[in-house]
Amino acid sequence: MDEVSGLLKKFQKELSAGTVSLVLLAVLGQARQPMYGYQIAKRLEEVGEGVLAGKQSALYPVLRNLEGGGLLDSEVEPSVSGPPRRYYRITTLGRDVLREWSAAWHATRDSVDSVLSGGVI
């Protein structure tokens, strides 16, 4: 069973690599105002059923990559209760990419579900 657990962990890691960017864009796309990292992580905990499961630190490099690609903007603001916070918001390009990635996700999910249930693609 140990080998199965190891293979499951590897599969989950590979699977989450692409989906984290998608869910981060989705969270920020649904937000009414800019959000900082901890808020985003909490939102994912509420609705994401373990998308980041204990890997909150993995969030920040992905946010930086999305910002570097022009999908997010950020602004640092002082905080009364600690260090300054970086607030992220989705850009117009980010919204366009989110639409395309969502469509690709749904098509992939439907295709995989069909194969797993024994149907024909």
Protein backbone atom coordinates (compact mmCIF):
# COMPACT_ATOMS: atom_id res chain seq x y z
CA MET A 1 0.00 0.00 0.00
CA ASP A 2 2.98 2.30 0.58
CA GLU A 3 3.78 2.25 -3.15
CA VAL A 4 0.18 3.19 -3.97
CA SER A 5 0.33 6.10 -1.51
CA GLY A 6 3.54 7.37 -3.07
CA LEU A 7 2.09 7.18 -6.56
CA LEU A 8 -1.07 8.96 -5.41
CA LYS A 9 0.98 11.75 -3.87
CA LYS A 10 2.98 12.15 -7.10
CA PHE A 11 -0.23 12.21 -9.17
CA GLN A 12 -1.82 14.82 -6.90
CA LYS A 13 1.28 17.00 -7.12
CA GLU A 14 1.32 16.84 -10.92
CA LEU A 15 -2.41 17.47 -11.11
CA SER A 16 -2.33 20.47 -8.80
CA ALA A 17 0.51 22.15 -10.69
CA GLY A 18 -1.81 23.43 -13.41
CA THR A 19 -4.98 23.79 -11.43
CA VAL A 20 -3.64 26.16 -8.78
CA SER A 21 -3.19 28.94 -11.35
CA LEU A 22 -6.73 28.39 -12.60
CA VAL A 23 -8.31 28.52 -9.15
CA LEU A 24 -6.28 31.59 -8.15
CA LEU A 25 -7.50 33.43 -11.23
CA ALA A 26 -11.05 32.26 -10.49
CA VAL A 27 -10.94 33.49 -6.88
CA LEU A 28 -9.60 36.89 -7.95
CA GLY A 29 -12.01 37.01 -10.89
CA GLN A 30 -14.92 36.61 -8.46
CA ALA A 31 -13.55 39.06 -5.88
CA ARG A 32 -15.23 42.44 -5.55
CA GLN A 33 -12.00 44.05 -4.40
CA PRO A 34 -8.25 43.26 -4.40
CA MET A 35 -7.20 40.48 -2.02
CA TYR A 36 -3.96 39.66 -0.23
CA GLY A 37 -2.43 36.20 -0.06
CA TYR A 38 -3.89 35.09 3.25
CA GLN A 39 -7.40 36.15 2.17
CA ILE A 40 -7.02 34.19 -1.05
CA ALA A 41 -5.81 31.11 0.84
CA LYS A 42 -8.75 31.36 3.26
CA ARG A 43 -11.19 31.68 0.37
CA LEU A 44 -9.72 28.57 -1.23
CA GLU A 45 -10.08 26.72 2.06
CA GLU A 46 -13.75 27.72 2.19
CA VAL A 47 -14.69 26.74 -1.35
CA GLY A 48 -11.79 24.77 -2.77
CA GLU A 49 -12.08 21.57 -0.74
CA GLY A 50 -8.35 21.13 -0.34
CA VAL A 51 -7.01 22.60 -3.60
CA LEU A 52 -4.05 23.98 -1.65
CA ALA A 53 -4.44 21.65 1.37
CA GLY A 54 -1.72 22.85 3.71
CA LYS A 55 0.41 24.33 0.92
CA GLN A 56 -0.35 27.97 1.47
CA SER A 57 3.28 28.90 0.80
CA ALA A 58 2.88 27.50 -2.74
CA LEU A 59 0.37 30.26 -3.39
CA TYR A 60 2.89 33.12 -3.47
CA PRO A 61 5.16 31.90 -6.29
CA VAL A 62 2.08 31.20 -8.42
CA LEU A 63 0.69 34.69 -7.71
CA ARG A 64 4.05 36.19 -8.72
CA ASN A 65 4.10 34.13 -11.93
CA LEU A 66 0.56 35.20 -12.81
CA GLU A 67 1.51 38.81 -12.16
CA GLY A 68 4.66 38.42 -14.26
CA GLY A 69 2.50 37.15 -17.10
CA GLY A 70 0.25 40.21 -16.91
CA LEU A 71 -2.74 38.26 -15.57
CA LEU A 72 -2.69 40.00 -12.19
CA ASP A 73 -1.72 43.43 -10.88
CA SER A 74 -0.61 44.02 -7.32
CA GLU A 75 -0.12 46.87 -4.94
CA VAL A 76 1.59 46.94 -1.55
CA GLU A 77 -0.31 48.68 1.23
CA PRO A 78 0.73 49.26 4.83
CA SER A 79 -1.01 47.16 7.47
CA VAL A 80 -1.93 48.39 10.93
CA SER A 81 -1.44 44.93 12.43
CA GLY A 82 1.86 43.85 10.87
CA PRO A 83 4.03 44.05 7.78
CA PRO A 84 2.75 45.63 4.56
CA ARG A 85 0.39 43.49 2.49
CA ARG A 86 0.46 42.89 -1.25
CA TYR A 87 -3.04 43.07 -2.71
CA TYR A 88 -3.75 41.29 -6.00
CA ARG A 89 -6.44 41.95 -8.59
CA ILE A 90 -7.12 40.29 -11.91
CA THR A 91 -6.37 42.24 -15.10
CA THR A 92 -8.41 42.36 -18.31
CA LEU A 93 -5.95 39.90 -19.84
CA GLY A 94 -6.37 37.73 -16.74
CA ARG A 95 -10.15 37.66 -17.23
CA ASP A 96 -9.71 36.66 -20.88
CA VAL A 97 -7.25 33.93 -19.92
CA LEU A 98 -9.54 32.75 -17.11
CA ARG A 99 -12.37 32.27 -19.63
CA GLU A 100 -10.12 30.25 -21.94
CA TRP A 101 -8.58 28.17 -19.13
CA SER A 102 -12.03 27.48 -17.69
CA ALA A 103 -13.25 26.23 -21.05
CA ALA A 104 -10.15 24.05 -21.41
CA TRP A 105 -10.66 22.72 -17.87
CA HIS A 106 -14.30 21.81 -18.52
CA ALA A 107 -13.46 20.09 -21.81
CA THR A 108 -10.63 18.13 -20.17
CA ARG A 109 -12.72 17.22 -17.14
CA ASP A 110 -15.62 16.05 -19.30
CA SER A 111 -13.29 13.98 -21.47
CA VAL A 112 -11.57 12.35 -18.48
CA ASP A 113 -14.93 11.70 -16.77
CA SER A 114 -16.19 10.03 -19.94
CA VAL A 115 -13.18 7.73 -20.13
CA LEU A 116 -13.32 6.91 -16.41
CA SER A 117 -17.01 6.00 -16.65
CA GLY A 118 -16.38 3.76 -19.67
CA GLY A 119 -18.03 6.05 -22.16
CA VAL A 120 -16.78 7.14 -25.54
CA ILE A 121 -15.10 10.51 -26.04
